[in-house]
Amino acid sequence: PRLRFLGEKDPEHAMHISNLDKLFPESKIIHIIRDGRGVFISAWHHNVRTKDANLKQLGFDDFLEITAREWAERVRRARTSGSQLGNRYFEVRYEDLVADPAAWMARALAFLGADSSQPVVQACIESASFEQRSQGRKDGEEDRASFFRKGDPDDWRSQLTAPQIQRFDALSGGLLAELGYQP
């Protein structure tokens, strides 16, 4: 009865915002959008780490194609459904959150109607930091065996070729530019 906030983070939910709204009509949705190229690199390394059998069949370029299309579909669908929620939908780009965590955390907490004071914001930032989540590693320190592999949102820049970047952009139907991501 005293529970005020319940959070659940799962990219699959992006496909079901309208259903979630029917189940929880007073809910608020925070949609964190990550650059699809970063999503691809993260997913690739996650599947390599877990030794996903399908990955060997697909290969890097086919996996890029699937990821680009799925990322664009999920983000577009979530944004469309979210727009129907009006002031119960909050959107932030992951890269902006990483670049200015205090400002964006304060905005997200205020959106929820939670305490957005500086000490609470700072506690949230510290508990969710890469260093905390990775048990002491600094941003950019890679551990391929860890779910929290590297902590670098721009890692895709060093792992994708220019043609692969162009292909991702084409396959995602211009969504990168629509969201303000530069090539």
C-alpha atoms as a PDB file:
ATOM      1  CA  PRO A   1       0.000   0.000   0.000  1.00  0.00           C
ATOM      2  CA  ARG A   2       2.901   2.411   0.605  1.00  0.00           C
ATOM      3  CA  LEU A   3       4.630   1.621  -2.672  1.00  0.00           C
ATOM      4  CA  ARG A   4       4.839   4.768  -4.806  1.00  0.00           C
ATOM      5  CA  PHE A   5       7.236   3.742  -7.560  1.00  0.00           C
ATOM      6  CA  LEU A   6       7.920   0.549  -9.402  1.00  0.00           C
ATOM      7  CA  GLY A   7      10.447   0.453 -12.201  1.00  0.00           C
ATOM      8  CA  GLU A   8      10.985  -2.215 -14.807  1.00  0.00           C
ATOM      9  CA  LYS A   9      13.619  -2.009 -17.516  1.00  0.00           C
ATOM     10  CA  ASP A  10      13.217  -4.218 -20.519  1.00  0.00           C
ATOM     11  CA  PRO A  11      13.618  -3.192 -24.160  1.00  0.00           C
ATOM     12  CA  GLU A  12      10.733  -5.520 -25.043  1.00  0.00           C
ATOM     13  CA  HIS A  13       8.345  -3.141 -23.267  1.00  0.00           C
ATOM     14  CA  ALA A  14       8.845  -0.631 -26.059  1.00  0.00           C
ATOM     15  CA  MET A  15       6.653  -2.858 -28.214  1.00  0.00           C
ATOM     16  CA  HIS A  16       3.845  -2.948 -25.643  1.00  0.00           C
ATOM     17  CA  ILE A  17       3.346   0.571 -24.298  1.00  0.00           C
ATOM     18  CA  SER A  18      -0.314   0.709 -25.325  1.00  0.00           C
ATOM     19  CA  ASN A  19      -0.982  -2.621 -23.563  1.00  0.00           C
ATOM     20  CA  LEU A  20       0.920  -1.477 -20.491  1.00  0.00           C
ATOM     21  CA  ASP A  21      -1.195   1.664 -20.480  1.00  0.00           C
ATOM     22  CA  LYS A  22      -4.373  -0.440 -20.434  1.00  0.00           C
ATOM     23  CA  LEU A  23      -3.054  -2.512 -17.526  1.00  0.00           C
ATOM     24  CA  PHE A  24      -1.650   0.471 -15.628  1.00  0.00           C
ATOM     25  CA  PRO A  25      -3.658   3.536 -16.721  1.00  0.00           C
ATOM     26  CA  GLU A  26      -1.953   5.871 -14.247  1.00  0.00           C
ATOM     27  CA  SER A  27       1.562   4.737 -15.104  1.00  0.00           C
ATOM     28  CA  LYS A  28       4.293   6.946 -16.456  1.00  0.00           C
ATOM     29  CA  ILE A  29       6.748   5.737 -19.063  1.00  0.00           C
ATOM     30  CA  ILE A  30      10.376   6.820 -19.250  1.00  0.00           C
ATOM     31  CA  HIS A  31      11.771   5.869 -22.647  1.00  0.00           C
ATOM     32  CA  ILE A  32      15.557   5.897 -22.814  1.00  0.00           C
ATOM     33  CA  ILE A  33      16.616   5.795 -26.447  1.00  0.00           C
ATOM     34  CA  ARG A  34      20.129   4.637 -27.244  1.00  0.00           C
ATOM     35  CA  ASP A  35      21.897   5.231 -30.540  1.00  0.00           C
ATOM     36  CA  GLY A  36      21.068   2.122 -32.564  1.00  0.00           C
ATOM     37  CA  ARG A  37      24.684   1.635 -33.554  1.00  0.00           C
ATOM     38  CA  GLY A  38      25.592   1.392 -29.876  1.00  0.00           C
ATOM     39  CA  VAL A  39      22.695  -1.013 -29.356  1.00  0.00           C
ATOM     40  CA  PHE A  40      24.067  -3.163 -32.167  1.00  0.00           C
ATOM     41  CA  ILE A  41      27.631  -3.300 -30.795  1.00  0.00           C
ATOM     42  CA  SER A  42      26.365  -4.016 -27.288  1.00  0.00           C
ATOM     43  CA  ALA A  43      24.057  -6.791 -28.546  1.00  0.00           C
ATOM     44  CA  TRP A  44      26.817  -8.261 -30.697  1.00  0.00           C
ATOM     45  CA  HIS A  45      29.241  -8.499 -27.774  1.00  0.00           C
ATOM     46  CA  HIS A  46      26.526  -9.791 -25.441  1.00  0.00           C
ATOM     47  CA  ASN A  47      25.702 -12.601 -27.871  1.00  0.00           C
ATOM     48  CA  VAL A  48      29.391 -13.398 -28.370  1.00  0.00           C
ATOM     49  CA  ARG A  49      29.798 -13.541 -24.575  1.00  0.00           C
ATOM     50  CA  THR A  50      26.806 -15.869 -24.151  1.00  0.00           C
ATOM     51  CA  LYS A  51      27.917 -17.969 -27.138  1.00  0.00           C
ATOM     52  CA  ASP A  52      24.584 -17.582 -28.922  1.00  0.00           C
ATOM     53  CA  ALA A  53      24.440 -20.313 -31.576  1.00  0.00           C
ATOM     54  CA  ASN A  54      22.480 -18.129 -34.017  1.00  0.00           C
ATOM     55  CA  LEU A  55      25.300 -15.605 -34.099  1.00  0.00           C
ATOM     56  CA  LYS A  56      27.669 -18.012 -35.861  1.00  0.00           C
ATOM     57  CA  GLN A  57      25.045 -18.602 -38.540  1.00  0.00           C
ATOM     58  CA  LEU A  58      24.314 -14.931 -39.073  1.00  0.00           C
ATOM     59  CA  GLY A  59      27.670 -13.223 -38.883  1.00  0.00           C
ATOM     60  CA  PHE A  60      28.383  -9.571 -38.132  1.00  0.00           C
ATOM     61  CA  ASP A  61      26.804  -7.963 -41.203  1.00  0.00           C
ATOM     62  CA  ASP A  62      23.571  -9.971 -41.128  1.00  0.00           C
ATOM     63  CA  PHE A  63      23.239  -9.309 -37.395  1.00  0.00           C
ATOM     64  CA  LEU A  64      23.747  -5.596 -38.129  1.00  0.00           C
ATOM     65  CA  GLU A  65      20.870  -5.730 -40.630  1.00  0.00           C
ATOM     66  CA  ILE A  66      18.494  -7.438 -38.193  1.00  0.00           C
ATOM     67  CA  THR A  67      19.443  -5.119 -35.341  1.00  0.00           C
ATOM     68  CA  ALA A  68      19.054  -1.950 -37.416  1.00  0.00           C
ATOM     69  CA  ARG A  69      15.562  -2.899 -38.559  1.00  0.00           C
ATOM     70  CA  GLU A  70      14.419  -4.106 -35.124  1.00  0.00           C
ATOM     71  CA  TRP A  71      15.871  -1.087 -33.334  1.00  0.00           C
ATOM     72  CA  ALA A  72      14.083   1.314 -35.683  1.00  0.00           C
ATOM     73  CA  GLU A  73      10.781  -0.571 -35.386  1.00  0.00           C
ATOM     74  CA  ARG A  74      10.919  -0.657 -31.585  1.00  0.00           C
ATOM     75  CA  VAL A  75      11.882   2.982 -31.178  1.00  0.00           C
ATOM     76  CA  ARG A  76       9.260   4.193 -33.651  1.00  0.00           C
ATOM     77  CA  ARG A  77       6.555   2.047 -32.096  1.00  0.00           C
ATOM     78  CA  ALA A  78       7.432   3.205 -28.573  1.00  0.00           C
ATOM     79  CA  ARG A  79       7.467   6.851 -29.617  1.00  0.00           C
ATOM     80  CA  THR A  80       4.118   6.529 -31.386  1.00  0.00           C
ATOM     81  CA  SER A  81       2.527   4.791 -28.407  1.00  0.00           C
ATOM     82  CA  GLY A  82       4.216   7.184 -26.004  1.00  0.00           C
ATOM     83  CA  SER A  83       2.836  10.206 -27.817  1.00  0.00           C
ATOM     84  CA  GLN A  84      -0.652   8.913 -26.991  1.00  0.00           C
ATOM     85  CA  LEU A  85       0.167   9.147 -23.270  1.00  0.00           C
ATOM     86  CA  GLY A  86       0.715  12.905 -23.341  1.00  0.00           C
ATOM     87  CA  ASN A  87       2.396  14.105 -20.148  1.00  0.00           C
ATOM     88  CA  ARG A  88       2.798  10.523 -18.886  1.00  0.00           C
ATOM     89  CA  TYR A  89       5.590   9.860 -21.417  1.00  0.00           C
ATOM     90  CA  PHE A  90       9.171  11.065 -20.950  1.00  0.00           C
ATOM     91  CA  GLU A  91      11.898  10.544 -23.504  1.00  0.00           C
ATOM     92  CA  VAL A  92      15.651  10.936 -23.145  1.00  0.00           C
ATOM     93  CA  ARG A  93      18.573   9.854 -25.285  1.00  0.00           C
ATOM     94  CA  TYR A  94      20.960   7.565 -23.418  1.00  0.00           C
ATOM     95  CA  GLU A  95      23.963   9.532 -24.651  1.00  0.00           C
ATOM     96  CA  ASP A  96      22.488  12.767 -23.226  1.00  0.00           C
ATOM     97  CA  LEU A  97      21.858  11.023 -19.914  1.00  0.00           C
ATOM     98  CA  VAL A  98      25.480   9.855 -19.810  1.00  0.00           C
ATOM     99  CA  ALA A  99      26.791  13.305 -20.795  1.00  0.00           C
ATOM    100  CA  ASP A 100      24.773  15.203 -18.154  1.00  0.00           C
ATOM    101  CA  PRO A 101      23.461  12.686 -15.634  1.00  0.00           C
ATOM    102  CA  ALA A 102      22.544  15.192 -12.910  1.00  0.00           C
ATOM    103  CA  ALA A 103      20.307  17.312 -15.134  1.00  0.00           C
ATOM    104  CA  TRP A 104      18.566  14.361 -16.765  1.00  0.00           C
ATOM    105  CA  MET A 105      18.147  12.399 -13.539  1.00  0.00           C
ATOM    106  CA  ALA A 106      16.583  15.454 -11.889  1.00  0.00           C
ATOM    107  CA  ARG A 107      14.189  15.817 -14.847  1.00  0.00           C
ATOM    108  CA  ALA A 108      13.245  12.131 -14.757  1.00  0.00           C
ATOM    109  CA  LEU A 109      12.619  12.176 -10.995  1.00  0.00           C
ATOM    110  CA  ALA A 110      10.550  15.366 -11.290  1.00  0.00           C
ATOM    111  CA  PHE A 111       8.556  13.768 -14.123  1.00  0.00           C
ATOM    112  CA  LEU A 112       7.745  10.859 -11.799  1.00  0.00           C
ATOM    113  CA  GLY A 113       6.803  13.190  -8.961  1.00  0.00           C
ATOM    114  CA  ALA A 114       9.683  11.844  -6.887  1.00  0.00           C
ATOM    115  CA  ASP A 115      12.180  13.720  -4.764  1.00  0.00           C
ATOM    116  CA  SER A 116      14.512  15.381  -7.251  1.00  0.00           C
ATOM    117  CA  SER A 117      16.760  17.104  -4.734  1.00  0.00           C
ATOM    118  CA  GLN A 118      20.502  17.136  -5.338  1.00  0.00           C
ATOM    119  CA  PRO A 119      21.303  14.431  -2.719  1.00  0.00           C
ATOM    120  CA  VAL A 120      18.728  12.051  -4.204  1.00  0.00           C
ATOM    121  CA  VAL A 121      19.916  12.752  -7.738  1.00  0.00           C
ATOM    122  CA  GLN A 122      23.514  12.130  -6.686  1.00  0.00           C
ATOM    123  CA  ALA A 123      22.590   8.862  -4.931  1.00  0.00           C
ATOM    124  CA  CYS A 124      20.798   7.653  -8.077  1.00  0.00           C
ATOM    125  CA  ILE A 125      23.763   8.552 -10.277  1.00  0.00           C
ATOM    126  CA  GLU A 126      26.233   6.806  -7.996  1.00  0.00           C
ATOM    127  CA  SER A 127      24.177   3.621  -7.652  1.00  0.00           C
ATOM    128  CA  ALA A 128      23.711   3.361 -11.421  1.00  0.00           C
ATOM    129  CA  SER A 129      27.257   4.309 -12.429  1.00  0.00           C
ATOM    130  CA  PHE A 130      29.305   2.008 -14.637  1.00  0.00           C
ATOM    131  CA  GLU A 131      31.938   1.829 -11.927  1.00  0.00           C
ATOM    132  CA  GLN A 132      29.356   0.634  -9.385  1.00  0.00           C
ATOM    133  CA  ARG A 133      27.615  -1.782 -11.770  1.00  0.00           C
ATOM    134  CA  SER A 134      30.904  -3.256 -13.043  1.00  0.00           C
ATOM    135  CA  GLN A 135      32.373  -3.693  -9.559  1.00  0.00           C
ATOM    136  CA  GLY A 136      35.037  -1.017  -9.796  1.00  0.00           C
ATOM    137  CA  ARG A 137      36.014  -0.659 -13.442  1.00  0.00           C
ATOM    138  CA  LYS A 138      36.232   2.809 -14.958  1.00  0.00           C
ATOM    139  CA  ASP A 139      34.322   3.829 -18.090  1.00  0.00           C
ATOM    140  CA  GLY A 140      36.093   2.366 -21.096  1.00  0.00           C
ATOM    141  CA  GLU A 141      37.780  -0.495 -19.205  1.00  0.00           C
ATOM    142  CA  GLU A 142      36.634  -3.577 -21.073  1.00  0.00           C
ATOM    143  CA  ASP A 143      35.774  -6.955 -19.590  1.00  0.00           C
ATOM    144  CA  ARG A 144      34.380  -9.148 -22.355  1.00  0.00           C
ATOM    145  CA  ALA A 145      33.129 -11.712 -19.822  1.00  0.00           C
ATOM    146  CA  SER A 146      30.962  -9.139 -18.015  1.00  0.00           C
ATOM    147  CA  PHE A 147      27.393  -8.106 -18.805  1.00  0.00           C
ATOM    148  CA  PHE A 148      28.711  -4.578 -18.193  1.00  0.00           C
ATOM    149  CA  ARG A 149      31.380  -4.921 -20.874  1.00  0.00           C
ATOM    150  CA  LYS A 150      32.853  -1.477 -21.415  1.00  0.00           C
ATOM    151  CA  GLY A 151      30.730   1.509 -20.408  1.00  0.00           C
ATOM    152  CA  ASP A 152      31.405   3.524 -23.559  1.00  0.00           C
ATOM    153  CA  PRO A 153      28.285   4.710 -25.404  1.00  0.00           C
ATOM    154  CA  ASP A 154      30.386   5.633 -28.445  1.00  0.00           C
ATOM    155  CA  ASP A 155      32.203   2.292 -28.708  1.00  0.00           C
ATOM    156  CA  TRP A 156      30.481   1.695 -32.051  1.00  0.00           C
ATOM    157  CA  ARG A 157      32.667   4.431 -33.602  1.00  0.00           C
ATOM    158  CA  SER A 158      35.778   2.256 -33.294  1.00  0.00           C
ATOM    159  CA  GLN A 159      34.067  -1.007 -34.224  1.00  0.00           C
ATOM    160  CA  LEU A 160      32.060  -0.158 -37.323  1.00  0.00           C
ATOM    161  CA  THR A 161      33.434   0.782 -40.733  1.00  0.00           C
ATOM    162  CA  ALA A 162      32.055   3.768 -42.641  1.00  0.00           C
ATOM    163  CA  PRO A 163      30.092   1.458 -45.005  1.00  0.00           C
ATOM    164  CA  GLN A 164      28.609  -0.410 -42.013  1.00  0.00           C
ATOM    165  CA  ILE A 165      27.571   2.882 -40.416  1.00  0.00           C
ATOM    166  CA  GLN A 166      25.932   3.987 -43.685  1.00  0.00           C
ATOM    167  CA  ARG A 167      24.199   0.632 -43.998  1.00  0.00           C
ATOM    168  CA  PHE A 168      22.838   0.834 -40.457  1.00  0.00           C
ATOM    169  CA  ASP A 169      21.507   4.313 -41.162  1.00  0.00           C
ATOM    170  CA  ALA A 170      19.838   3.207 -44.405  1.00  0.00           C
ATOM    171  CA  LEU A 171      18.324   0.098 -42.806  1.00  0.00           C
ATOM    172  CA  SER A 172      16.929   2.114 -39.910  1.00  0.00           C
ATOM    173  CA  GLY A 173      15.125   4.413 -42.318  1.00  0.00           C
ATOM    174  CA  GLY A 174      16.699   7.705 -41.252  1.00  0.00           C
ATOM    175  CA  LEU A 175      15.710   7.336 -37.604  1.00  0.00           C
ATOM    176  CA  LEU A 176      19.224   8.195 -36.424  1.00  0.00           C
ATOM    177  CA  ALA A 177      18.994  11.653 -37.986  1.00  0.00           C
ATOM    178  CA  GLU A 178      15.403  12.067 -36.802  1.00  0.00           C
ATOM    179  CA  LEU A 179      16.622  11.522 -33.241  1.00  0.00           C
ATOM    180  CA  GLY A 180      19.518  13.951 -33.695  1.00  0.00           C
ATOM    181  CA  TYR A 181      22.315  11.410 -34.020  1.00  0.00           C
ATOM    182  CA  GLN A 182      25.120  12.382 -36.344  1.00  0.00           C
ATOM    183  CA  PRO A 183      26.614   9.934 -38.834  1.00  0.00           C
END
